[in-house]
N, C-alpha and C. Protein backbone atom coordinates (compact mmCIF):
# COMPACT_ATOMS: atom_id res chain seq x y z
N MET A 1 192.35 123.28 71.16
CA MET A 1 190.78 123.09 70.70
C MET A 1 190.74 122.02 69.65
N ARG A 2 191.57 122.10 68.68
CA ARG A 2 191.52 121.04 67.48
C ARG A 2 191.68 119.58 68.14
N LEU A 3 192.82 119.49 68.88
CA LEU A 3 193.23 118.29 69.52
C LEU A 3 192.22 117.75 70.42
N ILE A 4 191.54 118.57 71.23
CA ILE A 4 190.52 118.09 72.24
C ILE A 4 189.42 117.57 71.41
N LEU A 5 188.91 118.44 70.49
CA LEU A 5 187.77 118.03 69.73
C LEU A 5 187.92 116.68 68.89
N GLY A 6 189.02 116.78 68.06
CA GLY A 6 189.40 115.57 67.50
C GLY A 6 189.49 114.32 68.30
N THR A 7 190.19 114.31 69.34
CA THR A 7 190.42 113.27 70.30
C THR A 7 189.07 112.71 70.85
N THR A 8 188.24 113.67 71.28
CA THR A 8 186.91 113.37 71.81
C THR A 8 186.12 112.66 70.86
N THR A 9 186.06 113.15 69.70
CA THR A 9 185.28 112.50 68.54
C THR A 9 185.65 111.09 68.07
N ALA A 10 186.92 110.98 67.97
CA ALA A 10 187.55 109.60 67.65
C ALA A 10 187.19 108.68 68.70
N ALA A 11 187.39 109.24 70.11
CA ALA A 11 187.20 108.25 71.28
C ALA A 11 185.75 107.84 71.31
N LEU A 12 184.81 108.67 71.06
CA LEU A 12 183.46 108.34 71.13
C LEU A 12 183.05 107.45 70.14
N ALA A 13 183.62 107.69 68.83
CA ALA A 13 183.36 106.73 67.55
C ALA A 13 183.86 105.35 67.94
N TRP A 14 185.25 105.26 68.39
CA TRP A 14 185.68 103.89 68.56
C TRP A 14 185.02 103.29 69.69
N ALA A 15 184.80 104.11 70.86
CA ALA A 15 183.97 103.21 72.02
C ALA A 15 182.80 102.84 71.46
N ALA A 16 181.79 103.58 70.73
CA ALA A 16 180.50 103.12 70.30
C ALA A 16 180.85 101.86 69.38
N LEU A 17 181.60 101.91 68.40
CA LEU A 17 181.88 100.81 67.57
C LEU A 17 182.23 99.52 68.37
N VAL A 18 183.17 99.54 69.21
CA VAL A 18 183.59 98.48 69.90
C VAL A 18 182.26 97.93 70.70
N LEU A 19 181.69 98.80 71.59
CA LEU A 19 180.62 98.46 72.25
C LEU A 19 179.37 97.84 71.40
N GLN A 20 179.12 98.34 70.25
CA GLN A 20 178.07 97.83 69.49
C GLN A 20 178.50 96.49 68.84
N ILE A 21 179.83 96.30 68.66
CA ILE A 21 180.05 94.90 68.10
C ILE A 21 179.88 93.84 69.32
N GLY A 22 180.34 94.37 70.40
CA GLY A 22 180.17 93.40 71.64
C GLY A 22 178.72 93.23 71.76
N LEU A 23 177.84 94.08 71.69
CA LEU A 23 176.36 93.96 71.93
C LEU A 23 175.72 92.98 70.80
N ASN A 24 176.28 93.24 69.61
CA ASN A 24 175.69 92.28 68.59
C ASN A 24 176.19 90.86 68.69
N LEU A 25 177.48 90.70 69.08
CA LEU A 25 177.87 89.38 69.20
C LEU A 25 177.30 88.62 70.48
N SER A 26 176.96 89.35 71.44
CA SER A 26 176.40 88.73 72.78
C SER A 26 174.88 88.51 72.62
N SER A 27 174.20 89.12 71.69
CA SER A 27 172.78 89.07 71.82
C SER A 27 172.28 87.81 71.11
N GLY A 28 172.91 87.27 70.25
CA GLY A 28 172.58 85.94 69.45
C GLY A 28 171.26 86.05 68.61
N VAL A 29 170.62 87.40 68.57
CA VAL A 29 169.47 87.51 67.77
C VAL A 29 169.54 88.62 66.99
N ASP A 30 168.80 88.86 65.91
CA ASP A 30 168.61 90.03 65.12
C ASP A 30 167.60 91.04 65.81
N PRO A 31 167.49 92.24 65.14
CA PRO A 31 166.57 93.27 65.82
C PRO A 31 165.14 92.77 65.91
N PHE A 32 164.84 91.58 65.15
CA PHE A 32 163.49 91.16 65.18
C PHE A 32 163.28 89.94 65.96
N GLY A 33 164.45 89.56 66.75
CA GLY A 33 164.27 88.32 67.61
C GLY A 33 164.71 87.06 66.93
N ASN A 34 165.08 87.12 65.72
CA ASN A 34 165.51 85.80 65.16
C ASN A 34 166.96 85.44 65.39
N PRO A 35 167.22 83.94 65.70
CA PRO A 35 168.48 83.73 65.97
C PRO A 35 169.61 84.03 64.91
N ARG A 36 170.72 84.25 65.28
CA ARG A 36 171.71 84.54 64.26
C ARG A 36 173.18 84.26 64.83
N THR A 37 174.04 83.86 63.92
CA THR A 37 175.36 83.39 64.31
C THR A 37 176.16 84.72 64.46
N PRO A 38 177.43 84.58 65.15
CA PRO A 38 178.34 85.70 65.22
C PRO A 38 178.75 86.25 63.95
N TRP A 39 178.97 85.27 63.05
CA TRP A 39 179.41 85.84 61.80
C TRP A 39 178.32 86.71 60.98
N MET A 40 176.92 86.18 61.16
CA MET A 40 175.99 86.92 60.59
C MET A 40 175.70 88.24 61.37
N SER A 41 175.86 88.23 62.59
CA SER A 41 175.84 89.48 63.36
C SER A 41 176.70 90.54 62.79
N MET A 42 178.04 90.07 62.54
CA MET A 42 178.89 91.13 61.95
C MET A 42 178.50 91.69 60.55
N VAL A 43 177.96 90.63 59.86
CA VAL A 43 177.48 90.93 58.37
C VAL A 43 176.24 91.86 58.44
N ASP A 44 175.38 91.72 59.40
CA ASP A 44 174.32 92.62 59.54
C ASP A 44 174.78 93.97 60.01
N LEU A 45 175.64 94.10 61.04
CA LEU A 45 176.27 95.31 61.57
C LEU A 45 176.85 96.24 60.46
N PHE A 46 177.77 95.61 59.80
CA PHE A 46 178.47 96.32 58.64
C PHE A 46 177.72 96.54 57.35
N GLY A 47 176.32 96.23 57.49
CA GLY A 47 175.56 96.69 56.39
C GLY A 47 175.05 98.01 56.47
N TYR A 48 175.17 98.53 57.67
CA TYR A 48 174.53 99.95 57.96
C TYR A 48 175.56 101.10 57.68
N PHE A 49 174.92 102.18 56.90
CA PHE A 49 175.78 103.22 56.63
C PHE A 49 176.14 104.00 57.68
N THR A 50 175.34 103.82 58.80
CA THR A 50 175.78 104.51 60.17
C THR A 50 176.96 103.98 60.66
N ILE A 51 177.24 102.65 60.69
CA ILE A 51 178.35 102.05 61.15
C ILE A 51 179.69 102.22 60.32
N LEU A 52 179.52 102.08 58.98
CA LEU A 52 180.41 102.42 58.20
C LEU A 52 181.07 103.81 58.22
N THR A 53 180.16 104.88 58.35
CA THR A 53 180.48 106.14 58.31
C THR A 53 181.03 106.46 59.70
N ASN A 54 180.65 105.94 60.69
CA ASN A 54 181.30 106.17 61.97
C ASN A 54 182.74 105.76 62.02
N LEU A 55 182.86 104.40 61.47
CA LEU A 55 184.30 103.89 61.30
C LEU A 55 185.14 104.92 60.42
N LEU A 56 184.60 105.31 59.38
CA LEU A 56 185.27 106.28 58.59
C LEU A 56 185.90 107.54 59.29
N VAL A 57 184.88 108.15 60.05
CA VAL A 57 185.25 109.25 60.72
C VAL A 57 186.36 108.93 61.94
N ALA A 58 186.24 107.71 62.44
CA ALA A 58 187.29 107.31 63.46
C ALA A 58 188.62 107.25 62.81
N LEU A 59 188.68 106.67 61.53
CA LEU A 59 189.85 106.49 60.89
C LEU A 59 190.43 107.82 60.30
N VAL A 60 189.58 108.54 59.84
CA VAL A 60 189.92 110.07 59.41
C VAL A 60 190.77 110.72 60.43
N ILE A 61 190.35 110.51 61.68
CA ILE A 61 191.09 111.34 62.79
C ILE A 61 192.27 110.51 63.33
N THR A 62 192.09 109.36 63.47
CA THR A 62 193.10 108.39 64.13
C THR A 62 194.28 108.18 63.26
N ILE A 63 194.12 107.75 61.96
CA ILE A 63 195.31 107.38 61.30
C ILE A 63 196.33 108.36 61.09
N PRO A 64 195.93 109.68 60.65
CA PRO A 64 196.90 110.73 60.58
C PRO A 64 197.62 111.05 61.85
N ALA A 65 197.04 110.77 63.05
CA ALA A 65 197.49 110.95 64.27
C ALA A 65 198.58 109.96 64.82
N VAL A 66 198.26 108.73 64.50
CA VAL A 66 199.15 107.71 64.87
C VAL A 66 200.24 107.26 63.84
N ALA A 67 199.97 107.56 62.67
CA ALA A 67 200.95 107.05 61.57
C ALA A 67 200.97 108.20 60.43
N PRO A 68 201.38 109.28 60.94
CA PRO A 68 201.39 110.51 60.05
C PRO A 68 202.06 110.41 58.85
N LYS A 69 203.13 109.64 58.62
CA LYS A 69 203.85 109.57 57.44
C LYS A 69 203.45 108.40 56.54
N SER A 70 202.50 107.68 56.91
CA SER A 70 202.08 106.48 56.22
C SER A 70 201.23 106.79 55.03
N VAL A 71 201.08 105.93 54.08
CA VAL A 71 200.23 106.15 52.83
C VAL A 71 198.78 106.35 53.44
N ALA A 72 198.36 105.57 54.27
CA ALA A 72 197.08 105.64 54.78
C ALA A 72 196.74 107.06 55.24
N ALA A 73 197.74 107.58 55.92
CA ALA A 73 197.52 108.80 56.63
C ALA A 73 197.28 109.86 55.44
N GLY A 74 198.10 109.79 54.33
CA GLY A 74 197.78 110.63 53.24
C GLY A 74 196.27 110.59 52.74
N PHE A 75 195.96 109.45 52.68
CA PHE A 75 194.59 109.02 52.13
C PHE A 75 193.55 109.72 53.04
N PHE A 76 193.60 109.54 54.49
CA PHE A 76 192.47 109.83 55.36
C PHE A 76 192.69 111.28 55.74
N SER A 77 193.76 111.91 55.47
CA SER A 77 193.75 113.30 55.79
C SER A 77 193.61 114.27 54.51
N ASN A 78 193.47 113.53 53.41
CA ASN A 78 193.06 114.39 52.23
C ASN A 78 191.74 115.11 52.38
N LEU A 79 191.77 116.30 51.77
CA LEU A 79 190.54 117.15 51.85
C LEU A 79 189.29 116.43 51.44
N ARG A 80 189.46 115.52 50.23
CA ARG A 80 188.26 114.80 49.74
C ARG A 80 187.77 113.77 50.63
N THR A 81 188.65 113.12 51.18
CA THR A 81 188.15 112.00 52.18
C THR A 81 187.58 112.69 53.38
N THR A 82 188.23 113.72 54.05
CA THR A 82 187.54 114.36 55.18
C THR A 82 186.27 115.07 54.98
N TRP A 83 186.17 115.68 53.80
CA TRP A 83 185.00 116.18 53.23
C TRP A 83 183.79 115.13 53.05
N THR A 84 184.18 114.14 52.48
CA THR A 84 183.26 112.93 52.34
C THR A 84 182.75 112.50 53.79
N ALA A 85 183.73 112.36 54.62
CA ALA A 85 183.28 111.76 55.93
C ALA A 85 182.35 112.75 56.75
N ALA A 86 182.67 114.02 56.65
CA ALA A 86 181.90 115.22 57.34
C ALA A 86 180.51 115.24 56.68
N ALA A 87 180.41 115.17 55.37
CA ALA A 87 178.89 115.16 54.63
C ALA A 87 178.15 113.94 55.10
N ALA A 88 178.86 112.77 54.99
CA ALA A 88 178.26 111.55 55.29
C ALA A 88 177.82 111.41 56.80
N ILE A 89 178.64 111.83 57.76
CA ILE A 89 178.05 111.62 59.08
C ILE A 89 177.09 112.67 59.49
N VAL A 90 176.89 113.87 58.85
CA VAL A 90 175.85 114.73 58.94
C VAL A 90 174.54 114.24 58.43
N VAL A 91 174.80 113.54 57.21
CA VAL A 91 173.55 112.80 56.68
C VAL A 91 173.00 111.64 57.72
N VAL A 92 174.18 111.05 58.13
CA VAL A 92 173.65 110.06 59.17
C VAL A 92 172.91 110.51 60.27
N GLY A 93 173.23 111.46 60.81
CA GLY A 93 172.39 112.14 61.95
C GLY A 93 171.14 112.65 61.53
N ILE A 94 171.05 113.27 60.35
CA ILE A 94 169.80 114.01 60.10
C ILE A 94 168.72 112.95 59.51
N ALA A 95 169.29 111.90 58.75
CA ALA A 95 168.40 110.84 58.19
C ALA A 95 167.84 110.07 59.30
N TYR A 96 168.77 109.67 60.20
CA TYR A 96 168.12 109.13 61.37
C TYR A 96 167.17 109.67 62.23
N HIS A 97 167.32 110.90 62.52
CA HIS A 97 166.44 111.63 63.32
C HIS A 97 165.06 111.68 62.53
N VAL A 98 165.18 112.01 61.24
CA VAL A 98 163.93 112.30 60.52
C VAL A 98 163.19 111.04 60.01
N LEU A 99 163.86 109.91 59.68
CA LEU A 99 163.24 108.80 58.92
C LEU A 99 163.28 107.58 60.01
N LEU A 100 164.17 107.52 60.88
CA LEU A 100 164.30 106.25 61.67
C LEU A 100 164.31 106.13 63.19
N SER A 101 164.46 107.35 63.67
CA SER A 101 164.40 107.48 65.24
C SER A 101 163.23 106.98 65.92
N ALA A 102 162.01 107.36 65.23
CA ALA A 102 160.65 106.97 65.76
C ALA A 102 160.54 105.46 65.84
N GLN A 103 161.10 104.75 64.89
CA GLN A 103 161.06 103.20 64.84
C GLN A 103 161.98 102.48 65.68
N TYR A 104 162.98 103.22 66.39
CA TYR A 104 164.03 102.51 67.04
C TYR A 104 163.98 103.11 68.49
N ASN A 105 164.00 102.28 69.55
CA ASN A 105 164.05 102.61 70.90
C ASN A 105 164.89 101.72 71.66
N PRO A 106 166.13 101.87 71.57
CA PRO A 106 167.13 101.07 72.19
C PRO A 106 167.14 101.36 73.56
N ALA A 107 167.58 100.37 74.39
CA ALA A 107 167.79 100.44 75.84
C ALA A 107 169.07 100.23 76.33
N GLY A 108 169.42 100.52 77.59
CA GLY A 108 170.68 100.09 78.17
C GLY A 108 171.84 100.59 77.32
N LEU A 109 172.83 99.82 77.16
CA LEU A 109 174.00 100.28 76.43
C LEU A 109 173.75 100.58 74.95
N GLY A 110 172.64 100.02 74.42
CA GLY A 110 172.22 100.38 73.08
C GLY A 110 171.78 101.66 73.00
N ALA A 111 171.21 102.18 73.97
CA ALA A 111 170.89 103.68 73.93
C ALA A 111 172.00 104.57 73.85
N TRP A 112 173.13 104.20 74.52
CA TRP A 112 174.29 104.90 74.58
C TRP A 112 175.09 104.88 73.12
N THR A 113 175.12 103.74 72.44
CA THR A 113 175.55 103.73 71.20
C THR A 113 174.64 104.52 70.15
N ASP A 114 173.49 104.40 70.35
CA ASP A 114 172.58 105.14 69.48
C ASP A 114 172.85 106.55 69.57
N LEU A 115 172.96 107.18 70.71
CA LEU A 115 173.23 108.51 70.98
C LEU A 115 174.67 109.00 70.34
N ALA A 116 175.60 108.05 70.57
CA ALA A 116 176.90 108.32 70.04
C ALA A 116 176.99 108.27 68.54
N PHE A 117 176.44 107.30 67.84
CA PHE A 117 176.45 107.18 66.42
C PHE A 117 175.73 108.13 65.73
N HIS A 118 174.45 108.45 66.20
CA HIS A 118 173.59 109.44 65.43
C HIS A 118 173.44 110.78 65.85
N TYR A 119 174.16 111.16 67.17
CA TYR A 119 174.06 112.60 67.51
C TYR A 119 175.33 113.08 68.02
N LEU A 120 176.14 112.49 68.82
CA LEU A 120 177.28 112.96 69.35
C LEU A 120 178.47 113.12 68.18
N VAL A 121 178.60 111.99 67.55
CA VAL A 121 179.86 111.96 66.60
C VAL A 121 179.49 112.87 65.31
N PRO A 122 178.26 112.75 64.87
CA PRO A 122 177.92 113.66 63.73
C PRO A 122 178.04 115.21 64.09
N THR A 123 177.58 115.50 65.31
CA THR A 123 177.65 116.98 65.66
C THR A 123 179.11 117.38 65.71
N LEU A 124 179.90 116.51 66.60
CA LEU A 124 181.28 117.11 66.88
C LEU A 124 182.21 116.92 65.79
N PHE A 125 182.09 115.81 64.74
CA PHE A 125 182.77 115.71 63.77
C PHE A 125 182.35 116.99 62.69
N ALA A 126 181.33 117.37 62.50
CA ALA A 126 180.85 118.57 61.76
C ALA A 126 181.54 119.83 62.24
N VAL A 127 181.51 120.00 63.53
CA VAL A 127 182.04 121.15 64.10
C VAL A 127 183.77 121.06 64.00
N TYR A 128 184.28 119.91 64.07
CA TYR A 128 185.74 119.77 64.04
C TYR A 128 186.14 119.99 62.53
N TRP A 129 185.48 119.34 61.64
CA TRP A 129 185.72 119.65 60.16
C TRP A 129 185.60 121.09 59.68
N VAL A 130 184.57 121.66 59.97
CA VAL A 130 184.12 123.12 59.67
C VAL A 130 185.31 123.86 60.21
N THR A 131 185.69 123.71 61.29
CA THR A 131 186.64 124.62 61.98
C THR A 131 188.07 124.28 61.67
N THR A 132 188.31 123.14 61.12
CA THR A 132 189.85 122.79 60.88
C THR A 132 190.08 122.53 59.34
N ALA A 133 189.12 122.29 58.58
CA ALA A 133 189.36 121.93 57.18
C ALA A 133 189.83 123.24 56.42
N GLU A 134 190.85 123.02 55.63
CA GLU A 134 191.48 123.80 54.72
C GLU A 134 190.97 124.01 53.37
N VAL A 135 189.76 124.40 53.18
CA VAL A 135 189.10 124.38 51.77
C VAL A 135 189.93 125.11 50.80
N GLY A 136 190.47 126.14 51.24
CA GLY A 136 191.23 127.07 50.23
C GLY A 136 190.23 127.50 48.95
N GLY A 137 190.79 127.22 47.86
CA GLY A 137 190.00 127.57 46.75
C GLY A 137 189.35 126.42 46.13
N ALA A 138 189.39 125.43 47.06
CA ALA A 138 188.50 124.09 46.38
C ALA A 138 187.11 124.61 46.12
N ARG A 139 186.79 124.22 44.85
CA ARG A 139 185.37 124.53 44.38
C ARG A 139 184.51 123.34 44.47
N PHE A 140 183.26 123.51 44.71
CA PHE A 140 182.43 122.38 44.99
C PHE A 140 182.09 121.62 43.76
N LEU A 141 181.63 122.15 42.64
CA LEU A 141 181.28 121.58 41.52
C LEU A 141 182.12 120.52 40.97
N PRO A 142 183.56 120.83 40.81
CA PRO A 142 184.57 119.91 40.38
C PRO A 142 184.80 118.77 41.23
N GLN A 143 184.24 118.74 42.52
CA GLN A 143 184.54 117.69 43.39
C GLN A 143 183.33 116.72 43.60
N ILE A 144 182.11 117.17 42.77
CA ILE A 144 181.02 116.30 42.95
C ILE A 144 181.30 114.68 42.69
N GLY A 145 182.00 114.52 41.65
CA GLY A 145 182.40 113.10 41.40
C GLY A 145 182.96 112.40 42.40
N VAL A 146 184.08 112.87 42.95
CA VAL A 146 184.70 112.31 44.01
C VAL A 146 183.97 112.10 45.22
N LEU A 147 183.25 113.21 45.58
CA LEU A 147 182.39 113.15 46.76
C LEU A 147 181.29 112.24 46.71
N SER A 148 180.89 111.85 45.49
CA SER A 148 179.80 110.95 45.36
C SER A 148 180.26 109.41 45.41
N LEU A 149 181.47 109.20 45.33
CA LEU A 149 181.97 107.83 45.26
C LEU A 149 181.60 107.09 46.51
N TYR A 150 181.72 107.79 47.68
CA TYR A 150 181.40 106.90 48.90
C TYR A 150 179.86 106.44 49.04
N PRO A 151 178.97 107.26 48.90
CA PRO A 151 177.49 107.03 48.92
C PRO A 151 177.16 106.18 47.77
N PHE A 152 177.78 106.29 46.50
CA PHE A 152 177.43 105.38 45.42
C PHE A 152 177.97 103.92 45.60
N ALA A 153 179.20 103.94 46.24
CA ALA A 153 179.74 102.53 46.40
C ALA A 153 178.78 101.89 47.45
N TYR A 154 178.26 102.70 48.52
CA TYR A 154 177.47 102.05 49.46
C TYR A 154 176.18 101.56 48.94
N PHE A 155 175.52 102.49 48.14
CA PHE A 155 174.13 101.89 47.43
C PHE A 155 174.55 100.45 46.68
N VAL A 156 175.63 100.55 45.92
CA VAL A 156 175.92 99.33 45.12
C VAL A 156 175.94 98.14 46.09
N TYR A 157 176.78 98.40 47.03
CA TYR A 157 177.09 97.30 48.07
C TYR A 157 175.82 96.82 48.70
N VAL A 158 174.87 97.78 49.02
CA VAL A 158 173.61 97.32 49.64
C VAL A 158 172.74 96.60 48.81
N ILE A 159 172.71 96.99 47.52
CA ILE A 159 171.90 96.40 46.40
C ILE A 159 172.42 94.87 46.29
N GLY A 160 173.70 94.75 46.00
CA GLY A 160 174.30 93.43 45.76
C GLY A 160 174.30 92.60 47.03
N ARG A 161 174.36 93.20 48.40
CA ARG A 161 174.15 92.45 49.46
C ARG A 161 172.83 91.95 49.65
N GLY A 162 171.92 92.74 49.29
CA GLY A 162 170.56 92.37 49.49
C GLY A 162 170.23 91.17 48.40
N GLU A 163 170.71 91.32 47.37
CA GLU A 163 170.28 90.15 46.32
C GLU A 163 171.00 88.84 46.89
N VAL A 164 172.06 88.84 47.63
CA VAL A 164 172.70 87.65 48.19
C VAL A 164 172.03 87.26 49.35
N LEU A 165 171.83 88.26 50.30
CA LEU A 165 171.24 87.79 51.57
C LEU A 165 169.72 87.83 51.67
N GLY A 166 169.15 88.54 50.87
CA GLY A 166 167.76 88.86 50.91
C GLY A 166 167.28 89.73 51.99
N THR A 167 168.16 90.58 52.67
CA THR A 167 167.85 91.57 53.57
C THR A 167 168.46 92.87 53.27
N TYR A 168 167.96 93.98 53.67
CA TYR A 168 168.38 95.22 53.48
C TYR A 168 168.41 96.07 54.62
N PRO A 169 169.47 96.82 54.95
CA PRO A 169 169.51 97.54 56.35
C PRO A 169 168.33 98.56 56.52
N TYR A 170 167.96 99.19 55.34
CA TYR A 170 167.02 100.44 55.55
C TYR A 170 165.73 100.11 54.71
N PHE A 171 164.59 100.60 55.17
CA PHE A 171 163.44 100.24 54.46
C PHE A 171 163.42 101.09 53.03
N PHE A 172 164.01 102.34 53.05
CA PHE A 172 163.97 103.03 51.72
C PHE A 172 164.88 102.56 50.73
N VAL A 173 165.73 101.61 50.92
CA VAL A 173 166.45 100.93 49.84
C VAL A 173 166.08 99.46 49.79
N ASP A 174 165.05 99.07 50.31
CA ASP A 174 164.59 97.70 50.18
C ASP A 174 163.97 97.23 48.99
N VAL A 175 164.70 96.70 48.15
CA VAL A 175 164.27 96.31 46.80
C VAL A 175 163.12 95.28 46.77
N ARG A 176 163.17 94.39 47.84
CA ARG A 176 162.19 93.45 47.90
C ARG A 176 160.69 94.05 47.91
N THR A 177 160.43 95.05 48.95
CA THR A 177 159.19 95.65 49.07
C THR A 177 158.92 96.83 48.10
N LEU A 178 159.94 97.52 47.69
CA LEU A 178 159.78 98.82 46.94
C LEU A 178 159.94 98.53 45.41
N GLY A 179 160.67 97.59 44.99
CA GLY A 179 161.08 97.50 43.72
C GLY A 179 162.33 98.29 43.47
N LEU A 180 163.17 97.72 42.41
CA LEU A 180 164.50 98.37 42.26
C LEU A 180 164.24 99.75 41.77
N LEU A 181 163.47 100.17 41.03
CA LEU A 181 163.16 101.59 40.49
C LEU A 181 162.91 102.45 41.66
N SER A 182 162.04 102.08 42.55
CA SER A 182 161.74 102.92 43.64
C SER A 182 162.98 103.10 44.63
N ALA A 183 163.63 102.11 44.87
CA ALA A 183 164.70 101.91 45.76
C ALA A 183 165.92 102.85 45.09
N LEU A 184 166.14 102.83 43.83
CA LEU A 184 166.99 103.76 43.18
C LEU A 184 166.67 105.10 43.32
N LYS A 185 165.44 105.46 43.04
CA LYS A 185 164.93 106.94 43.21
C LYS A 185 165.21 107.40 44.67
N ASN A 186 164.94 106.52 45.84
CA ASN A 186 165.25 107.01 47.11
C ASN A 186 166.68 107.21 47.27
N ALA A 187 167.52 106.30 46.62
CA ALA A 187 169.10 106.44 46.84
C ALA A 187 169.44 107.65 46.15
N LEU A 188 168.92 108.05 44.98
CA LEU A 188 169.27 109.20 44.31
C LEU A 188 168.90 110.43 45.14
N GLY A 189 167.68 110.45 45.74
CA GLY A 189 167.40 111.59 46.58
C GLY A 189 168.25 111.58 47.74
N ILE A 190 168.71 110.62 48.25
CA ILE A 190 169.62 110.74 49.46
C ILE A 190 170.82 111.32 49.17
N LEU A 191 171.44 110.71 47.83
CA LEU A 191 172.63 111.32 47.22
C LEU A 191 172.63 112.79 47.09
N VAL A 192 171.53 113.29 46.47
CA VAL A 192 171.35 114.68 46.32
C VAL A 192 171.30 115.60 47.56
N PHE A 193 170.79 114.93 48.59
CA PHE A 193 170.75 115.72 49.92
C PHE A 193 172.21 115.62 50.47
N TYR A 194 172.85 114.53 50.24
CA TYR A 194 174.21 114.43 50.62
C TYR A 194 175.11 115.52 50.06
N LEU A 195 175.02 115.62 48.81
CA LEU A 195 175.77 116.63 48.08
C LEU A 195 175.49 118.12 48.53
N PHE A 196 174.30 118.33 48.98
CA PHE A 196 173.74 119.61 49.36
C PHE A 196 174.38 119.83 50.82
N VAL A 197 174.53 118.68 51.53
CA VAL A 197 175.13 118.91 52.86
C VAL A 197 176.62 119.14 52.74
N ALA A 198 177.28 118.50 51.73
CA ALA A 198 178.69 118.81 51.46
C ALA A 198 178.94 120.29 51.18
N TRP A 199 178.08 120.75 50.24
CA TRP A 199 178.18 122.11 49.73
C TRP A 199 177.96 123.14 50.99
N VAL A 200 176.96 122.90 51.81
CA VAL A 200 176.87 123.77 52.99
C VAL A 200 178.06 123.64 53.92
N LEU A 201 178.50 122.44 54.22
CA LEU A 201 179.76 122.33 54.97
C LEU A 201 181.05 123.06 54.43
N ALA A 202 181.03 123.00 53.16
CA ALA A 202 182.25 123.74 52.52
C ALA A 202 182.15 125.22 52.54
N LEU A 203 180.95 125.71 52.37
CA LEU A 203 180.63 127.17 52.80
C LEU A 203 180.92 127.55 54.18
N LEU A 204 180.50 126.80 55.03
CA LEU A 204 180.78 127.09 56.47
C LEU A 204 182.26 127.05 56.78
N ALA A 205 182.92 126.10 56.16
CA ALA A 205 184.42 125.92 56.42
C ALA A 205 185.11 127.03 55.74
N GLY A 206 184.62 127.53 54.69
CA GLY A 206 185.31 128.84 54.11
C GLY A 206 185.12 129.98 54.83
N TRP A 207 183.87 130.13 55.36
CA TRP A 207 183.62 131.43 56.26
C TRP A 207 184.53 131.35 57.34
N VAL A 208 184.61 130.19 58.10
CA VAL A 208 185.24 130.11 59.21
C VAL A 208 186.77 130.51 59.00
N SER A 209 187.22 129.83 57.90
CA SER A 209 188.72 130.08 57.63
C SER A 209 188.94 131.49 57.27
N ARG A 210 188.18 132.22 56.62
CA ARG A 210 188.25 133.58 56.21
C ARG A 210 188.28 134.47 57.50
N ARG A 211 187.35 134.13 58.42
CA ARG A 211 187.34 134.87 59.76
C ARG A 211 188.54 134.67 60.51
N ARG A 212 189.04 133.33 60.56
CA ARG A 212 190.32 133.16 61.32
C ARG A 212 191.44 134.01 60.58
N THR A 213 191.48 133.89 59.25
CA THR A 213 192.61 134.68 58.60
C THR A 213 192.65 136.30 58.80
N SER A 214 191.17 136.73 58.96
CA SER A 214 191.15 138.11 58.98
C SER A 214 191.61 138.71 60.31
N ARG A 215 191.40 137.69 61.29
CA ARG A 215 191.75 138.16 62.83
C ARG A 215 193.32 137.96 63.18
N ALA A 216 193.94 137.16 62.00
CA ALA A 216 195.32 136.90 62.35
C ALA A 216 196.10 138.32 62.25
């Protein structure tokens, strides 16, 4: 079950990423119809938390499987890394559905990548992590700092990127229209929600682990 679920999740994530890269490179325009070069197409694509987090999920599953003795495998299989990926991908799904889905109506192959990025991969990886993570005695509060690194680094990246390019991937962190203070408040709110999701996932993983042990 673990192998099937992990393989399916990774395959979906990689397929969606490759397809989306192809779609971006072939379109020649941004989401608003403005011309863009292939280089800027990639810069735009990898400005999205959705894309980066789906990539993280794919790596978390793939690297330990294909190179189990590598340093990278040690990093990507670490509980803190997998926990971060699980919380982040769940936030991707929830935030997209609540905040963005009404504004975005992709068609054709874009509809498939939208489904994979925002619904299929988040659901499958959440189930995969909750049912396989060995949380053991790991307590949530001491992990907050480490768990916060990924979303914090992303927010710093988005703000810096926006200063250079003048564009922001999401309206709720758009410093140009909201101002820096409001954008930071929104980012803080998302961070708090992300940590709440991480806590809930750990509770679920612990519960599943205890049930599995009691049945053994």
